[in-house]
Amino acid sequence: MTDQQFAVKVEKKMHMFVITYNLVFFFTALGLGTVNPGAMGNTCFIAAAPAGCRISSSRFGECDPFIEKASNVLNVTSSAIVPVICLAGTMVCLSILFWNVILMERISFGWYR
């Protein structure tokens, strides 16, 4: 597989997957109402509402149970599942590249059967 073929077959699919995943994740988080200020109140990320409810429910109020459950699912997805999928994808792509290098070496040295 030449560099051009690799760019067409693999790179475009990888870029489309990354863009699609981020858009789906972003709109899911917005739709579920899980994009809230963090405990300090100065940044927004996937968190339970109201801000600080996990730290001190008597001070900040009780967490919304639906938003808390949805934020837990999205946090696990973004911090555990996606990195494993990315690692597996990287290993597959490197294996494909390695195999192509071996094939090119066999062809160039006449070791191809």
N, C-alpha and C. Protein backbone atom coordinates (compact mmCIF):
# COMPACT_ATOMS: atom_id res chain seq x y z
N MET A 1 0.85 -1.17 0.00
CA MET A 1 0.00 0.00 0.00
C MET A 1 0.90 1.23 0.00
N THR A 2 0.72 2.08 -0.97
CA THR A 2 1.53 3.29 -1.05
C THR A 2 1.03 4.32 -0.04
N ASP A 3 1.80 5.39 0.10
CA ASP A 3 1.39 6.45 1.02
C ASP A 3 0.06 7.08 0.61
N GLN A 4 -0.14 7.24 -0.69
CA GLN A 4 -1.40 7.81 -1.18
C GLN A 4 -2.57 6.88 -0.87
N GLN A 5 -2.38 5.59 -1.10
CA GLN A 5 -3.44 4.64 -0.81
C GLN A 5 -3.75 4.62 0.69
N PHE A 6 -2.71 4.68 1.50
CA PHE A 6 -2.92 4.71 2.95
C PHE A 6 -3.68 5.97 3.35
N ALA A 7 -3.31 7.10 2.76
CA ALA A 7 -4.00 8.36 3.08
C ALA A 7 -5.47 8.29 2.72
N VAL A 8 -5.78 7.68 1.59
CA VAL A 8 -7.17 7.59 1.14
C VAL A 8 -7.95 6.58 1.98
N LYS A 9 -7.35 5.41 2.19
CA LYS A 9 -8.09 4.32 2.85
C LYS A 9 -8.17 4.47 4.36
N VAL A 10 -7.07 4.83 4.99
CA VAL A 10 -7.03 4.78 6.45
C VAL A 10 -7.17 6.17 7.08
N GLU A 11 -6.38 7.12 6.64
CA GLU A 11 -6.37 8.44 7.29
C GLU A 11 -7.71 9.14 7.23
N LYS A 12 -8.35 9.12 6.10
CA LYS A 12 -9.65 9.79 5.99
C LYS A 12 -10.68 9.15 6.91
N LYS A 13 -10.66 7.82 7.01
CA LYS A 13 -11.59 7.14 7.91
C LYS A 13 -11.29 7.48 9.36
N MET A 14 -10.02 7.56 9.71
CA MET A 14 -9.66 7.91 11.09
C MET A 14 -10.10 9.33 11.42
N HIS A 15 -9.87 10.25 10.51
CA HIS A 15 -10.28 11.63 10.76
C HIS A 15 -11.80 11.74 10.88
N MET A 16 -12.51 11.04 10.01
CA MET A 16 -13.98 11.09 10.08
C MET A 16 -14.48 10.48 11.38
N PHE A 17 -13.85 9.41 11.85
CA PHE A 17 -14.25 8.80 13.12
C PHE A 17 -14.04 9.77 14.28
N VAL A 18 -12.89 10.43 14.32
CA VAL A 18 -12.59 11.35 15.41
C VAL A 18 -13.57 12.52 15.40
N ILE A 19 -13.82 13.09 14.25
CA ILE A 19 -14.74 14.23 14.14
C ILE A 19 -16.16 13.80 14.52
N THR A 20 -16.60 12.66 14.02
CA THR A 20 -17.95 12.18 14.31
C THR A 20 -18.11 11.87 15.80
N TYR A 21 -17.12 11.20 16.38
CA TYR A 21 -17.20 10.89 17.80
C TYR A 21 -17.31 12.16 18.64
N ASN A 22 -16.46 13.14 18.36
CA ASN A 22 -16.48 14.38 19.15
C ASN A 22 -17.80 15.11 19.01
N LEU A 23 -18.34 15.17 17.80
CA LEU A 23 -19.63 15.85 17.61
C LEU A 23 -20.76 15.12 18.33
N VAL A 24 -20.79 13.80 18.21
CA VAL A 24 -21.84 13.02 18.88
C VAL A 24 -21.71 13.16 20.40
N PHE A 25 -20.49 13.06 20.92
CA PHE A 25 -20.26 13.19 22.35
C PHE A 25 -20.67 14.57 22.84
N PHE A 26 -20.30 15.61 22.11
CA PHE A 26 -20.61 16.98 22.50
C PHE A 26 -22.11 17.22 22.53
N PHE A 27 -22.80 16.83 21.46
CA PHE A 27 -24.24 17.07 21.42
C PHE A 27 -25.00 16.18 22.40
N THR A 28 -24.49 14.99 22.69
CA THR A 28 -25.11 14.14 23.71
C THR A 28 -24.97 14.79 25.08
N ALA A 29 -23.79 15.29 25.38
CA ALA A 29 -23.57 15.96 26.67
C ALA A 29 -24.46 17.19 26.80
N LEU A 30 -24.58 17.96 25.72
CA LEU A 30 -25.46 19.13 25.78
C LEU A 30 -26.91 18.72 25.92
N GLY A 31 -27.33 17.71 25.17
CA GLY A 31 -28.72 17.27 25.22
C GLY A 31 -29.12 16.71 26.57
N LEU A 32 -28.19 16.03 27.25
CA LEU A 32 -28.48 15.48 28.57
C LEU A 32 -28.32 16.50 29.68
N GLY A 33 -27.82 17.67 29.36
CA GLY A 33 -27.65 18.72 30.36
C GLY A 33 -26.51 18.46 31.32
N THR A 34 -25.48 17.75 30.88
CA THR A 34 -24.38 17.41 31.77
C THR A 34 -23.20 18.37 31.66
N VAL A 35 -23.24 19.34 30.78
CA VAL A 35 -22.17 20.32 30.69
C VAL A 35 -22.49 21.42 31.70
N ASN A 36 -21.83 21.36 32.84
CA ASN A 36 -22.09 22.27 33.96
C ASN A 36 -20.77 22.78 34.51
N PRO A 37 -20.83 23.84 35.32
CA PRO A 37 -19.59 24.29 35.96
C PRO A 37 -19.08 23.24 36.94
N GLY A 38 -17.79 23.18 37.07
CA GLY A 38 -17.19 22.23 38.00
C GLY A 38 -17.35 22.71 39.43
N ALA A 39 -16.70 22.00 40.35
CA ALA A 39 -16.83 22.30 41.77
C ALA A 39 -16.36 23.71 42.11
N MET A 40 -15.33 24.18 41.44
CA MET A 40 -14.82 25.53 41.71
C MET A 40 -15.67 26.59 41.03
N GLY A 41 -16.43 26.20 40.01
CA GLY A 41 -17.31 27.14 39.33
C GLY A 41 -16.65 27.98 38.26
N ASN A 42 -15.38 27.70 37.92
CA ASN A 42 -14.70 28.53 36.93
C ASN A 42 -14.51 27.85 35.58
N THR A 43 -14.77 26.56 35.47
CA THR A 43 -14.69 25.87 34.18
C THR A 43 -15.92 24.99 34.00
N CYS A 44 -16.27 24.76 32.75
CA CYS A 44 -17.40 23.89 32.45
C CYS A 44 -16.89 22.58 31.88
N PHE A 45 -17.43 21.51 32.36
CA PHE A 45 -17.13 20.18 31.83
C PHE A 45 -18.28 19.27 32.21
N ILE A 46 -18.14 17.99 31.96
CA ILE A 46 -19.22 17.04 32.26
C ILE A 46 -19.25 16.84 33.77
N ALA A 47 -20.27 17.39 34.40
CA ALA A 47 -20.36 17.32 35.86
C ALA A 47 -21.83 17.29 36.28
N ALA A 48 -22.04 16.86 37.50
CA ALA A 48 -23.39 16.85 38.05
C ALA A 48 -23.81 18.28 38.38
N ALA A 49 -25.11 18.49 38.44
CA ALA A 49 -25.64 19.83 38.75
C ALA A 49 -26.39 19.76 40.06
N PRO A 50 -26.40 20.78 40.85
CA PRO A 50 -25.66 22.04 40.76
C PRO A 50 -24.18 21.85 41.09
N ALA A 51 -23.39 22.85 40.76
CA ALA A 51 -21.95 22.77 40.97
C ALA A 51 -21.65 22.55 42.45
N GLY A 52 -20.78 21.58 42.74
CA GLY A 52 -20.37 21.30 44.11
C GLY A 52 -21.26 20.33 44.85
N CYS A 53 -22.29 19.79 44.21
CA CYS A 53 -23.22 18.91 44.92
C CYS A 53 -22.57 17.61 45.37
N ARG A 54 -21.53 17.16 44.68
CA ARG A 54 -20.85 15.93 45.09
C ARG A 54 -19.94 16.17 46.28
N ILE A 55 -19.45 17.40 46.42
CA ILE A 55 -18.53 17.71 47.52
C ILE A 55 -19.28 17.87 48.83
N SER A 56 -20.32 18.70 48.80
CA SER A 56 -21.08 18.96 50.02
C SER A 56 -22.54 19.20 49.64
N SER A 57 -23.34 18.16 49.75
CA SER A 57 -24.74 18.29 49.35
C SER A 57 -25.52 19.20 50.29
N SER A 58 -25.11 19.31 51.56
CA SER A 58 -25.81 20.19 52.48
C SER A 58 -25.53 21.66 52.15
N ARG A 59 -24.37 21.94 51.60
CA ARG A 59 -24.00 23.33 51.28
C ARG A 59 -24.49 23.75 49.90
N PHE A 60 -24.34 22.86 48.90
CA PHE A 60 -24.66 23.23 47.52
C PHE A 60 -26.01 22.70 47.04
N GLY A 61 -26.60 21.78 47.77
CA GLY A 61 -27.85 21.19 47.35
C GLY A 61 -27.64 19.79 46.81
N GLU A 62 -28.71 19.04 46.75
CA GLU A 62 -28.64 17.66 46.26
C GLU A 62 -28.40 17.64 44.76
N CYS A 63 -27.63 16.63 44.30
CA CYS A 63 -27.37 16.46 42.87
C CYS A 63 -28.65 15.98 42.17
N ASP A 64 -28.85 16.48 40.97
CA ASP A 64 -29.94 15.98 40.14
C ASP A 64 -29.60 14.54 39.77
N PRO A 65 -30.43 13.55 40.14
CA PRO A 65 -30.05 12.14 39.92
C PRO A 65 -29.87 11.78 38.45
N PHE A 66 -30.70 12.32 37.55
CA PHE A 66 -30.56 11.99 36.12
C PHE A 66 -29.27 12.55 35.56
N ILE A 67 -28.98 13.82 35.87
CA ILE A 67 -27.76 14.44 35.36
C ILE A 67 -26.53 13.79 35.97
N GLU A 68 -26.61 13.40 37.24
CA GLU A 68 -25.46 12.74 37.87
C GLU A 68 -25.17 11.39 37.21
N LYS A 69 -26.22 10.61 36.94
CA LYS A 69 -26.02 9.31 36.29
C LYS A 69 -25.49 9.49 34.86
N ALA A 70 -26.07 10.45 34.12
CA ALA A 70 -25.61 10.69 32.74
C ALA A 70 -24.17 11.19 32.72
N SER A 71 -23.81 12.06 33.66
CA SER A 71 -22.44 12.56 33.69
C SER A 71 -21.46 11.45 34.06
N ASN A 72 -21.87 10.53 34.94
CA ASN A 72 -21.00 9.39 35.27
C ASN A 72 -20.76 8.51 34.04
N VAL A 73 -21.81 8.24 33.28
CA VAL A 73 -21.68 7.42 32.07
C VAL A 73 -20.77 8.10 31.05
N LEU A 74 -20.98 9.40 30.83
CA LEU A 74 -20.16 10.13 29.85
C LEU A 74 -18.71 10.23 30.32
N ASN A 75 -18.48 10.40 31.62
CA ASN A 75 -17.11 10.46 32.13
C ASN A 75 -16.39 9.12 31.95
N VAL A 76 -17.08 8.02 32.22
CA VAL A 76 -16.46 6.70 32.03
C VAL A 76 -16.18 6.47 30.55
N THR A 77 -17.12 6.86 29.71
CA THR A 77 -16.93 6.68 28.27
C THR A 77 -15.73 7.47 27.78
N SER A 78 -15.63 8.73 28.20
CA SER A 78 -14.56 9.58 27.68
C SER A 78 -13.20 9.29 28.32
N SER A 79 -13.18 8.77 29.53
CA SER A 79 -11.89 8.58 30.20
C SER A 79 -11.40 7.13 30.20
N ALA A 80 -12.25 6.17 29.90
CA ALA A 80 -11.81 4.77 29.95
C ALA A 80 -12.03 4.04 28.63
N ILE A 81 -13.22 4.12 28.08
CA ILE A 81 -13.54 3.33 26.89
C ILE A 81 -12.86 3.89 25.65
N VAL A 82 -12.93 5.18 25.45
CA VAL A 82 -12.34 5.80 24.25
C VAL A 82 -10.83 5.62 24.19
N PRO A 83 -10.08 5.82 25.29
CA PRO A 83 -8.64 5.56 25.19
C PRO A 83 -8.29 4.12 24.81
N VAL A 84 -9.06 3.15 25.29
CA VAL A 84 -8.81 1.75 24.94
C VAL A 84 -9.07 1.53 23.44
N ILE A 85 -10.15 2.12 22.94
CA ILE A 85 -10.46 2.01 21.50
C ILE A 85 -9.36 2.68 20.67
N CYS A 86 -8.89 3.85 21.12
CA CYS A 86 -7.82 4.54 20.40
C CYS A 86 -6.53 3.73 20.40
N LEU A 87 -6.22 3.12 21.54
CA LEU A 87 -5.02 2.28 21.62
C LEU A 87 -5.12 1.10 20.67
N ALA A 88 -6.29 0.45 20.65
CA ALA A 88 -6.49 -0.68 19.75
C ALA A 88 -6.40 -0.24 18.29
N GLY A 89 -6.99 0.90 17.96
CA GLY A 89 -6.92 1.42 16.59
C GLY A 89 -5.50 1.75 16.19
N THR A 90 -4.74 2.33 17.11
CA THR A 90 -3.34 2.64 16.83
C THR A 90 -2.54 1.37 16.58
N MET A 91 -2.79 0.35 17.37
CA MET A 91 -2.07 -0.91 17.19
C MET A 91 -2.42 -1.56 15.85
N VAL A 92 -3.69 -1.48 15.46
CA VAL A 92 -4.11 -2.04 14.17
C VAL A 92 -3.43 -1.29 13.03
N CYS A 93 -3.45 0.04 13.09
CA CYS A 93 -2.81 0.84 12.03
C CYS A 93 -1.31 0.58 11.95
N LEU A 94 -0.66 0.48 13.09
CA LEU A 94 0.78 0.19 13.08
C LEU A 94 1.06 -1.21 12.54
N SER A 95 0.18 -2.15 12.84
CA SER A 95 0.35 -3.50 12.30
C SER A 95 0.21 -3.50 10.78
N ILE A 96 -0.77 -2.74 10.27
CA ILE A 96 -0.95 -2.62 8.82
C ILE A 96 0.28 -2.00 8.18
N LEU A 97 0.79 -0.93 8.78
CA LEU A 97 2.00 -0.28 8.24
C LEU A 97 3.19 -1.23 8.29
N PHE A 98 3.36 -1.93 9.40
CA PHE A 98 4.47 -2.87 9.53
C PHE A 98 4.39 -3.96 8.47
N TRP A 99 3.20 -4.51 8.27
CA TRP A 99 3.02 -5.55 7.27
C TRP A 99 3.34 -5.03 5.87
N ASN A 100 2.93 -3.80 5.58
CA ASN A 100 3.22 -3.22 4.26
C ASN A 100 4.72 -3.00 4.07
N VAL A 101 5.42 -2.61 5.14
CA VAL A 101 6.87 -2.45 5.04
C VAL A 101 7.52 -3.79 4.76
N ILE A 102 7.07 -4.83 5.42
CA ILE A 102 7.62 -6.16 5.17
C ILE A 102 7.36 -6.59 3.73
N LEU A 103 6.16 -6.35 3.22
CA LEU A 103 5.86 -6.71 1.83
C LEU A 103 6.72 -5.93 0.85
N MET A 104 6.91 -4.64 1.10
CA MET A 104 7.74 -3.83 0.20
C MET A 104 9.20 -4.31 0.23
N GLU A 105 9.70 -4.69 1.39
CA GLU A 105 11.06 -5.21 1.49
C GLU A 105 11.18 -6.53 0.72
N ARG A 106 10.19 -7.37 0.86
CA ARG A 106 10.23 -8.65 0.12
C ARG A 106 10.22 -8.42 -1.38
N ILE A 107 9.41 -7.48 -1.83
CA ILE A 107 9.32 -7.20 -3.27
C ILE A 107 10.62 -6.59 -3.76
N SER A 108 11.18 -5.63 -3.00
CA SER A 108 12.38 -4.94 -3.49
C SER A 108 13.61 -5.86 -3.48
N PHE A 109 13.68 -6.80 -2.58
CA PHE A 109 14.83 -7.71 -2.54
C PHE A 109 14.57 -9.03 -3.26
N GLY A 110 13.37 -9.18 -3.85
CA GLY A 110 13.07 -10.39 -4.59
C GLY A 110 12.78 -11.60 -3.72
N TRP A 111 12.38 -11.36 -2.46
CA TRP A 111 12.09 -12.47 -1.56
C TRP A 111 10.63 -12.88 -1.65
N TYR A 112 9.88 -12.21 -2.50
CA TYR A 112 8.44 -12.47 -2.59
C TYR A 112 8.21 -13.81 -3.26
N ARG A 113 7.33 -14.61 -2.73
CA ARG A 113 7.07 -15.94 -3.30
C ARG A 113 5.99 -15.88 -4.34
